[in-house]
Amino acid sequence: MLRALDICAAPVTEPLLAASAIIAGTKMAAVLPLTFLRRGSKWLRHLDAEADEASRHWEVAVLFHLREAFRSGDIYWRIRAGMAI
C-alpha cells in the first residue's frame, strides 16, 4: 500500500519516509534506522526490551508515526490528475 501512494512530506519527516521505504520494500537496510523516534519515545524501550521481536515492533512504530504525521499534515499524498478519490 505504501508503494501505491504518492507521498509528499515536510523536510523534518525525511527519516520517517526513509523508514517507510524500507517497509514498502523499495529500499534495503542492514540496520533498521531509529532516527525518526524522539529521545523519550516509548518505542525505544520496546525495541530495546525485546530484541527477538525488534523488527516487528520497529514496523509498528513506523506505521504509528506515519499515522501521526498524516494527521498533523507533515506528510500528505499528492492527488494525480485523473485519480479517483
Foldseek 3Di string as FASTA:
>chain_A
DVVVFQKDFDPLCVLLVVQVCCVVVVDPDPDRDDVNDDPPDPLVVVLVPDVVCNVVSSVVVSVVVVVVCVVVVRMDTDDDPPDDD
